[in-house]
Amino acid sequence: MTDLTLAMEKMNLAEYIHLLNRPGRLLYINFIAGVARGFGIAVGFALLGAVLVYLLQKLMVLNLPLVGDFIADIVEMVQAQIQNRRI
């Protein structure tokens, strides 16, 4: 019996049941967790994009033919998108 009691204490079963009895609190906690997760994804993606742009700029300075052509294609695509939005 004591093993079962210890296992339930380790699982925080009482707190979990208390949380299930308060659905508003459960929704609030899940909402905050979702917002934090979304914010983390946005910040991570922004940092990853910034590092990628930084590395592409450094590669462009080296003026490698293959990389230079790739970057030129990207610039052309971006400029075409900008022109399409102005119309």
PDB file of N, CA and C in Angstrom:
ATOM      1  N   MET A   1       0.815  -1.195   0.000  1.00  0.00           N
ATOM      2  CA  MET A   1       0.000   0.000   0.000  1.00  0.00           C
ATOM      3  C   MET A   1       0.860   1.259   0.000  1.00  0.00           C
ATOM      4  N   THR A   2       1.966   1.207   0.730  1.00  0.00           N
ATOM      5  CA  THR A   2       2.817   2.393   0.775  1.00  0.00           C
ATOM      6  C   THR A   2       3.470   2.647  -0.580  1.00  0.00           C
ATOM      7  N   ASP A   3       3.747   1.583  -1.328  1.00  0.00           N
ATOM      8  CA  ASP A   3       4.326   1.766  -2.662  1.00  0.00           C
ATOM      9  C   ASP A   3       3.356   2.506  -3.576  1.00  0.00           C
ATOM     10  N   LEU A   4       2.082   2.146  -3.479  1.00  0.00           N
ATOM     11  CA  LEU A   4       1.063   2.817  -4.281  1.00  0.00           C
ATOM     12  C   LEU A   4       0.941   4.283  -3.879  1.00  0.00           C
ATOM     13  N   THR A   5       0.986   4.545  -2.603  1.00  0.00           N
ATOM     14  CA  THR A   5       0.904   5.926  -2.110  1.00  0.00           C
ATOM     15  C   THR A   5       2.098   6.739  -2.590  1.00  0.00           C
ATOM     16  N   LEU A   6       3.287   6.162  -2.520  1.00  0.00           N
ATOM     17  CA  LEU A   6       4.487   6.858  -2.978  1.00  0.00           C
ATOM     18  C   LEU A   6       4.440   7.118  -4.481  1.00  0.00           C
ATOM     19  N   ALA A   7       3.942   6.142  -5.232  1.00  0.00           N
ATOM     20  CA  ALA A   7       3.840   6.317  -6.686  1.00  0.00           C
ATOM     21  C   ALA A   7       2.869   7.437  -7.026  1.00  0.00           C
ATOM     22  N   MET A   8       1.750   7.507  -6.305  1.00  0.00           N
ATOM     23  CA  MET A   8       0.775   8.565  -6.555  1.00  0.00           C
ATOM     24  C   MET A   8       1.335   9.930  -6.168  1.00  0.00           C
ATOM     25  N   GLU A   9       2.130   9.973  -5.115  1.00  0.00           N
ATOM     26  CA  GLU A   9       2.761  11.229  -4.711  1.00  0.00           C
ATOM     27  C   GLU A   9       3.756  11.695  -5.772  1.00  0.00           C
ATOM     28  N   LYS A  10       4.528  10.766  -6.322  1.00  0.00           N
ATOM     29  CA  LYS A  10       5.509  11.119  -7.348  1.00  0.00           C
ATOM     30  C   LYS A  10       4.840  11.641  -8.615  1.00  0.00           C
ATOM     31  N   MET A  11       3.662  11.118  -8.931  1.00  0.00           N
ATOM     32  CA  MET A  11       2.948  11.539 -10.143  1.00  0.00           C
ATOM     33  C   MET A  11       2.179  12.837  -9.932  1.00  0.00           C
ATOM     34  N   ASN A  12       2.150  13.344  -8.701  1.00  0.00           N
ATOM     35  CA  ASN A  12       1.357  14.534  -8.379  1.00  0.00           C
ATOM     36  C   ASN A  12      -0.095  14.339  -8.794  1.00  0.00           C
ATOM     37  N   LEU A  13      -0.629  13.187  -8.480  1.00  0.00           N
ATOM     38  CA  LEU A  13      -1.981  12.833  -8.893  1.00  0.00           C
ATOM     39  C   LEU A  13      -3.023  13.773  -8.289  1.00  0.00           C
ATOM     40  N   ALA A  14      -2.830  14.170  -7.055  1.00  0.00           N
ATOM     41  CA  ALA A  14      -3.803  15.062  -6.411  1.00  0.00           C
ATOM     42  C   ALA A  14      -3.858  16.407  -7.131  1.00  0.00           C
ATOM     43  N   GLU A  15      -2.695  16.950  -7.496  1.00  0.00           N
ATOM     44  CA  GLU A  15      -2.662  18.227  -8.208  1.00  0.00           C
ATOM     45  C   GLU A  15      -3.288  18.093  -9.592  1.00  0.00           C
ATOM     46  N   TYR A  16      -3.064  16.955 -10.231  1.00  0.00           N
ATOM     47  CA  TYR A  16      -3.633  16.725 -11.562  1.00  0.00           C
ATOM     48  C   TYR A  16      -5.157  16.655 -11.496  1.00  0.00           C
ATOM     49  N   ILE A  17      -5.675  15.943 -10.521  1.00  0.00           N
ATOM     50  CA  ILE A  17      -7.133  15.848 -10.362  1.00  0.00           C
ATOM     51  C   ILE A  17      -7.713  17.218 -10.028  1.00  0.00           C
ATOM     52  N   HIS A  18      -7.017  17.969  -9.182  1.00  0.00           N
ATOM     53  CA  HIS A  18      -7.470  19.324  -8.847  1.00  0.00           C
ATOM     54  C   HIS A  18      -7.514  20.193 -10.106  1.00  0.00           C
ATOM     55  N   LEU A  19      -6.528  20.052 -10.970  1.00  0.00           N
ATOM     56  CA  LEU A  19      -6.494  20.819 -12.216  1.00  0.00           C
ATOM     57  C   LEU A  19      -7.623  20.399 -13.153  1.00  0.00           C
ATOM     58  N   LEU A  20      -7.910  19.109 -13.212  1.00  0.00           N
ATOM     59  CA  LEU A  20      -9.000  18.630 -14.066  1.00  0.00           C
ATOM     60  C   LEU A  20     -10.366  19.124 -13.589  1.00  0.00           C
ATOM     61  N   ASN A  21     -10.487  19.383 -12.315  1.00  0.00           N
ATOM     62  CA  ASN A  21     -11.748  19.893 -11.777  1.00  0.00           C
ATOM     63  C   ASN A  21     -11.930  21.387 -12.042  1.00  0.00           C
ATOM     64  N   ARG A  22     -10.897  22.044 -12.536  1.00  0.00           N
ATOM     65  CA  ARG A  22     -10.975  23.464 -12.863  1.00  0.00           C
ATOM     66  C   ARG A  22     -10.634  23.638 -14.347  1.00  0.00           C
ATOM     67  N   PRO A  23     -11.604  23.438 -15.244  1.00  0.00           N
ATOM     68  CA  PRO A  23     -11.310  23.490 -16.681  1.00  0.00           C
ATOM     69  C   PRO A  23     -10.849  24.867 -17.155  1.00  0.00           C
ATOM     70  N   GLY A  24     -11.306  25.922 -16.508  1.00  0.00           N
ATOM     71  CA  GLY A  24     -10.853  27.263 -16.884  1.00  0.00           C
ATOM     72  C   GLY A  24      -9.358  27.420 -16.675  1.00  0.00           C
ATOM     73  N   ARG A  25      -8.880  26.940 -15.546  1.00  0.00           N
ATOM     74  CA  ARG A  25      -7.439  27.001 -15.246  1.00  0.00           C
ATOM     75  C   ARG A  25      -6.654  26.139 -16.231  1.00  0.00           C
ATOM     76  N   LEU A  26      -7.192  24.973 -16.563  1.00  0.00           N
ATOM     77  CA  LEU A  26      -6.531  24.083 -17.518  1.00  0.00           C
ATOM     78  C   LEU A  26      -6.426  24.747 -18.889  1.00  0.00           C
ATOM     79  N   LEU A  27      -7.509  25.390 -19.330  1.00  0.00           N
ATOM     80  CA  LEU A  27      -7.478  26.103 -20.611  1.00  0.00           C
ATOM     81  C   LEU A  27      -6.471  27.245 -20.580  1.00  0.00           C
ATOM     82  N   TYR A  28      -6.440  27.979 -19.470  1.00  0.00           N
ATOM     83  CA  TYR A  28      -5.503  29.098 -19.336  1.00  0.00           C
ATOM     84  C   TYR A  28      -4.056  28.611 -19.410  1.00  0.00           C
ATOM     85  N   ILE A  29      -3.741  27.561 -18.694  1.00  0.00           N
ATOM     86  CA  ILE A  29      -2.374  27.026 -18.698  1.00  0.00           C
ATOM     87  C   ILE A  29      -1.990  26.550 -20.098  1.00  0.00           C
ATOM     88  N   ASN A  30      -2.899  25.856 -20.770  1.00  0.00           N
ATOM     89  CA  ASN A  30      -2.603  25.379 -22.124  1.00  0.00           C
ATOM     90  C   ASN A  30      -2.482  26.531 -23.112  1.00  0.00           C
ATOM     91  N   PHE A  31      -3.288  27.583 -22.937  1.00  0.00           N
ATOM     92  CA  PHE A  31      -3.186  28.754 -23.808  1.00  0.00           C
ATOM     93  C   PHE A  31      -1.828  29.429 -23.648  1.00  0.00           C
ATOM     94  N   ILE A  32      -1.410  29.646 -22.409  1.00  0.00           N
ATOM     95  CA  ILE A  32      -0.114  30.275 -22.151  1.00  0.00           C
ATOM     96  C   ILE A  32       1.017  29.406 -22.702  1.00  0.00           C
ATOM     97  N   ALA A  33       0.906  28.099 -22.544  1.00  0.00           N
ATOM     98  CA  ALA A  33       1.930  27.196 -23.082  1.00  0.00           C
ATOM     99  C   ALA A  33       1.982  27.288 -24.602  1.00  0.00           C
ATOM    100  N   GLY A  34       0.827  27.380 -25.259  1.00  0.00           N
ATOM    101  CA  GLY A  34       0.790  27.505 -26.715  1.00  0.00           C
ATOM    102  C   GLY A  34       1.377  28.815 -27.194  1.00  0.00           C
ATOM    103  N   VAL A  35       1.076  29.902 -26.483  1.00  0.00           N
ATOM    104  CA  VAL A  35       1.640  31.208 -26.846  1.00  0.00           C
ATOM    105  C   VAL A  35       3.157  31.177 -26.700  1.00  0.00           C
ATOM    106  N   ALA A  36       3.643  30.615 -25.610  1.00  0.00           N
ATOM    107  CA  ALA A  36       5.087  30.528 -25.393  1.00  0.00           C
ATOM    108  C   ALA A  36       5.752  29.669 -26.463  1.00  0.00           C
ATOM    109  N   ARG A  37       5.115  28.575 -26.828  1.00  0.00           N
ATOM    110  CA  ARG A  37       5.662  27.695 -27.863  1.00  0.00           C
ATOM    111  C   ARG A  37       5.710  28.418 -29.207  1.00  0.00           C
ATOM    112  N   GLY A  38       4.637  29.115 -29.545  1.00  0.00           N
ATOM    113  CA  GLY A  38       4.598  29.866 -30.800  1.00  0.00           C
ATOM    114  C   GLY A  38       5.631  30.975 -30.831  1.00  0.00           C
ATOM    115  N   PHE A  39       5.787  31.678 -29.711  1.00  0.00           N
ATOM    116  CA  PHE A  39       6.788  32.737 -29.626  1.00  0.00           C
ATOM    117  C   PHE A  39       8.189  32.159 -29.790  1.00  0.00           C
ATOM    118  N   GLY A  40       8.440  31.024 -29.177  1.00  0.00           N
ATOM    119  CA  GLY A  40       9.748  30.380 -29.299  1.00  0.00           C
ATOM    120  C   GLY A  40      10.044  29.955 -30.728  1.00  0.00           C
ATOM    121  N   ILE A  41       9.037  29.446 -31.412  1.00  0.00           N
ATOM    122  CA  ILE A  41       9.217  29.051 -32.812  1.00  0.00           C
ATOM    123  C   ILE A  41       9.513  30.274 -33.667  1.00  0.00           C
ATOM    124  N   ALA A  42       8.783  31.365 -33.435  1.00  0.00           N
ATOM    125  CA  ALA A  42       8.990  32.585 -34.222  1.00  0.00           C
ATOM    126  C   ALA A  42      10.387  33.152 -33.999  1.00  0.00           C
ATOM    127  N   VAL A  43      10.819  33.211 -32.755  1.00  0.00           N
ATOM    128  CA  VAL A  43      12.153  33.737 -32.450  1.00  0.00           C
ATOM    129  C   VAL A  43      13.223  32.819 -33.032  1.00  0.00           C
ATOM    130  N   GLY A  44      13.050  31.523 -32.888  1.00  0.00           N
ATOM    131  CA  GLY A  44      14.025  30.578 -33.434  1.00  0.00           C
ATOM    132  C   GLY A  44      14.132  30.668 -34.940  1.00  0.00           C
ATOM    133  N   PHE A  45      12.981  30.791 -35.614  1.00  0.00           N
ATOM    134  CA  PHE A  45      12.990  30.904 -37.069  1.00  0.00           C
ATOM    135  C   PHE A  45      13.649  32.206 -37.503  1.00  0.00           C
ATOM    136  N   ALA A  46      13.390  33.292 -36.770  1.00  0.00           N
ATOM    137  CA  ALA A  46      14.005  34.579 -37.100  1.00  0.00           C
ATOM    138  C   ALA A  46      15.525  34.511 -36.933  1.00  0.00           C
ATOM    139  N   LEU A  47      15.976  33.893 -35.855  1.00  0.00           N
ATOM    140  CA  LEU A  47      17.419  33.762 -35.642  1.00  0.00           C
ATOM    141  C   LEU A  47      18.060  32.877 -36.705  1.00  0.00           C
ATOM    142  N   LEU A  48      17.400  31.787 -37.036  1.00  0.00           N
ATOM    143  CA  LEU A  48      17.920  30.897 -38.072  1.00  0.00           C
ATOM    144  C   LEU A  48      17.991  31.616 -39.413  1.00  0.00           C
ATOM    145  N   GLY A  49      16.955  32.381 -39.744  1.00  0.00           N
ATOM    146  CA  GLY A  49      16.956  33.153 -40.986  1.00  0.00           C
ATOM    147  C   GLY A  49      18.053  34.197 -40.997  1.00  0.00           C
ATOM    148  N   ALA A  50      18.270  34.866 -39.858  1.00  0.00           N
ATOM    149  CA  ALA A  50      19.319  35.882 -39.774  1.00  0.00           C
ATOM    150  C   ALA A  50      20.698  35.257 -39.968  1.00  0.00           C
ATOM    151  N   VAL A  51      20.912  34.101 -39.373  1.00  0.00           N
ATOM    152  CA  VAL A  51      22.199  33.410 -39.541  1.00  0.00           C
ATOM    153  C   VAL A  51      22.385  32.995 -40.995  1.00  0.00           C
ATOM    154  N   LEU A  52      21.329  32.523 -41.628  1.00  0.00           N
ATOM    155  CA  LEU A  52      21.408  32.121 -43.032  1.00  0.00           C
ATOM    156  C   LEU A  52      21.744  33.314 -43.922  1.00  0.00           C
ATOM    157  N   VAL A  53      21.078  34.443 -43.696  1.00  0.00           N
ATOM    158  CA  VAL A  53      21.361  35.646 -44.486  1.00  0.00           C
ATOM    159  C   VAL A  53      22.795  36.106 -44.244  1.00  0.00           C
ATOM    160  N   TYR A  54      23.246  36.063 -43.005  1.00  0.00           N
ATOM    161  CA  TYR A  54      24.612  36.460 -42.679  1.00  0.00           C
ATOM    162  C   TYR A  54      25.626  35.570 -43.404  1.00  0.00           C
ATOM    163  N   LEU A  55      25.388  34.261 -43.370  1.00  0.00           N
ATOM    164  CA  LEU A  55      26.305  33.340 -44.049  1.00  0.00           C
ATOM    165  C   LEU A  55      26.292  33.549 -45.565  1.00  0.00           C
ATOM    166  N   LEU A  56      25.118  33.803 -46.128  1.00  0.00           N
ATOM    167  CA  LEU A  56      25.044  34.064 -47.568  1.00  0.00           C
ATOM    168  C   LEU A  56      25.783  35.344 -47.931  1.00  0.00           C
ATOM    169  N   GLN A  57      25.712  36.353 -47.068  1.00  0.00           N
ATOM    170  CA  GLN A  57      26.449  37.591 -47.323  1.00  0.00           C
ATOM    171  C   GLN A  57      27.952  37.332 -47.296  1.00  0.00           C
ATOM    172  N   LYS A  58      28.403  36.533 -46.336  1.00  0.00           N
ATOM    173  CA  LYS A  58      29.833  36.216 -46.256  1.00  0.00           C
ATOM    174  C   LYS A  58      30.281  35.413 -47.479  1.00  0.00           C
ATOM    175  N   LEU A  59      29.435  34.501 -47.948  1.00  0.00           N
ATOM    176  CA  LEU A  59      29.777  33.728 -49.139  1.00  0.00           C
ATOM    177  C   LEU A  59      29.776  34.614 -50.382  1.00  0.00           C
ATOM    178  N   MET A  60      28.913  35.614 -50.402  1.00  0.00           N
ATOM    179  CA  MET A  60      28.853  36.506 -51.551  1.00  0.00           C
ATOM    180  C   MET A  60      30.139  37.325 -51.659  1.00  0.00           C
ATOM    181  N   VAL A  61      30.723  37.675 -50.525  1.00  0.00           N
ATOM    182  CA  VAL A  61      31.973  38.438 -50.527  1.00  0.00           C
ATOM    183  C   VAL A  61      33.091  37.613 -51.156  1.00  0.00           C
ATOM    184  N   LEU A  62      33.052  36.309 -50.964  1.00  0.00           N
ATOM    185  CA  LEU A  62      34.073  35.440 -51.549  1.00  0.00           C
ATOM    186  C   LEU A  62      33.936  35.352 -53.063  1.00  0.00           C
ATOM    187  N   ASN A  63      32.765  35.729 -53.572  1.00  0.00           N
ATOM    188  CA  ASN A  63      32.494  35.772 -55.011  1.00  0.00           C
ATOM    189  C   ASN A  63      32.705  34.408 -55.678  1.00  0.00           C
ATOM    190  N   LEU A  64      32.191  33.375 -55.051  1.00  0.00           N
ATOM    191  CA  LEU A  64      32.240  32.047 -55.647  1.00  0.00           C
ATOM    192  C   LEU A  64      31.191  31.970 -56.752  1.00  0.00           C
ATOM    193  N   PRO A  65      31.538  31.440 -57.918  1.00  0.00           N
ATOM    194  CA  PRO A  65      30.597  31.457 -59.044  1.00  0.00           C
ATOM    195  C   PRO A  65      29.276  30.743 -58.748  1.00  0.00           C
ATOM    196  N   LEU A  66      29.330  29.576 -58.174  1.00  0.00           N
ATOM    197  CA  LEU A  66      28.110  28.809 -57.913  1.00  0.00           C
ATOM    198  C   LEU A  66      27.227  29.515 -56.883  1.00  0.00           C
ATOM    199  N   VAL A  67      27.842  29.973 -55.810  1.00  0.00           N
ATOM    200  CA  VAL A  67      27.096  30.654 -54.761  1.00  0.00           C
ATOM    201  C   VAL A  67      26.602  32.006 -55.258  1.00  0.00           C
ATOM    202  N   GLY A  68      27.434  32.707 -56.028  1.00  0.00           N
ATOM    203  CA  GLY A  68      27.039  34.008 -56.571  1.00  0.00           C
ATOM    204  C   GLY A  68      25.824  33.895 -57.475  1.00  0.00           C
ATOM    205  N   ASP A  69      25.791  32.872 -58.309  1.00  0.00           N
ATOM    206  CA  ASP A  69      24.633  32.659 -59.184  1.00  0.00           C
ATOM    207  C   ASP A  69      23.385  32.335 -58.364  1.00  0.00           C
ATOM    208  N   PHE A  70      23.555  31.535 -57.328  1.00  0.00           N
ATOM    209  CA  PHE A  70      22.427  31.182 -56.461  1.00  0.00           C
ATOM    210  C   PHE A  70      21.854  32.427 -55.786  1.00  0.00           C
ATOM    211  N   ILE A  71      22.728  33.263 -55.259  1.00  0.00           N
ATOM    212  CA  ILE A  71      22.280  34.492 -54.597  1.00  0.00           C
ATOM    213  C   ILE A  71      21.641  35.437 -55.601  1.00  0.00           C
ATOM    214  N   ALA A  72      22.197  35.520 -56.802  1.00  0.00           N
ATOM    215  CA  ALA A  72      21.615  36.377 -57.837  1.00  0.00           C
ATOM    216  C   ALA A  72      20.204  35.911 -58.191  1.00  0.00           C
ATOM    217  N   ASP A  73      20.003  34.601 -58.262  1.00  0.00           N
ATOM    218  CA  ASP A  73      18.658  34.067 -58.526  1.00  0.00           C
ATOM    219  C   ASP A  73      17.684  34.450 -57.410  1.00  0.00           C
ATOM    220  N   ILE A  74      18.148  34.356 -56.176  1.00  0.00           N
ATOM    221  CA  ILE A  74      17.289  34.727 -55.047  1.00  0.00           C
ATOM    222  C   ILE A  74      16.931  36.205 -55.120  1.00  0.00           C
ATOM    223  N   VAL A  75      17.904  37.053 -55.415  1.00  0.00           N
ATOM    224  CA  VAL A  75      17.652  38.495 -55.518  1.00  0.00           C
ATOM    225  C   VAL A  75      16.660  38.779 -56.633  1.00  0.00           C
ATOM    226  N   GLU A  76      16.798  38.103 -57.761  1.00  0.00           N
ATOM    227  CA  GLU A  76      15.859  38.303 -58.874  1.00  0.00           C
ATOM    228  C   GLU A  76      14.444  37.894 -58.483  1.00  0.00           C
ATOM    229  N   MET A  77      14.309  36.774 -57.756  1.00  0.00           N
ATOM    230  CA  MET A  77      12.982  36.334 -57.318  1.00  0.00           C
ATOM    231  C   MET A  77      12.355  37.342 -56.364  1.00  0.00           C
ATOM    232  N   VAL A  78      13.153  37.860 -55.449  1.00  0.00           N
ATOM    233  CA  VAL A  78      12.636  38.841 -54.490  1.00  0.00           C
ATOM    234  C   VAL A  78      12.219  40.111 -55.213  1.00  0.00           C
ATOM    235  N   GLN A  79      13.038  40.577 -56.151  1.00  0.00           N
ATOM    236  CA  GLN A  79      12.694  41.790 -56.892  1.00  0.00           C
ATOM    237  C   GLN A  79      11.441  41.582 -57.737  1.00  0.00           C
ATOM    238  N   ALA A  80      11.273  40.401 -58.304  1.00  0.00           N
ATOM    239  CA  ALA A  80      10.067  40.115 -59.082  1.00  0.00           C
ATOM    240  C   ALA A  80       8.832  40.144 -58.179  1.00  0.00           C
ATOM    241  N   GLN A  81       8.947  39.603 -56.979  1.00  0.00           N
ATOM    242  CA  GLN A  81       7.826  39.632 -56.037  1.00  0.00           C
ATOM    243  C   GLN A  81       7.487  41.061 -55.629  1.00  0.00           C
ATOM    244  N   ILE A  82       8.511  41.874 -55.427  1.00  0.00           N
ATOM    245  CA  ILE A  82       8.275  43.275 -55.063  1.00  0.00           C
ATOM    246  C   ILE A  82       7.577  44.004 -56.200  1.00  0.00           C
ATOM    247  N   GLN A  83       7.994  43.759 -57.428  1.00  0.00           N
ATOM    248  CA  GLN A  83       7.364  44.407 -58.581  1.00  0.00           C
ATOM    249  C   GLN A  83       5.915  43.962 -58.730  1.00  0.00           C
ATOM    250  N   ASN A  84       5.622  42.699 -58.484  1.00  0.00           N
ATOM    251  CA  ASN A  84       4.250  42.188 -58.585  1.00  0.00           C
ATOM    252  C   ASN A  84       3.339  42.808 -57.537  1.00  0.00           C
ATOM    253  N   ARG A  85       3.848  43.117 -56.376  1.00  0.00           N
ATOM    254  CA  ARG A  85       3.028  43.704 -55.317  1.00  0.00           C
ATOM    255  C   ARG A  85       2.732  45.171 -55.592  1.00  0.00           C
ATOM    256  N   ARG A  86       3.589  45.854 -56.301  1.00  0.00           N
ATOM    257  CA  ARG A  86       3.378  47.274 -56.587  1.00  0.00           C
ATOM    258  C   ARG A  86       2.318  47.487 -57.651  1.00  0.00           C
ATOM    259  N   ILE A  87       2.076  46.468 -58.447  1.00  0.00           N
ATOM    260  CA  ILE A  87       1.111  46.611 -59.549  1.00  0.00           C
ATOM    261  C   ILE A  87      -0.298  46.543 -59.031  1.00  0.00           C
TER     262      ILE A  87
END
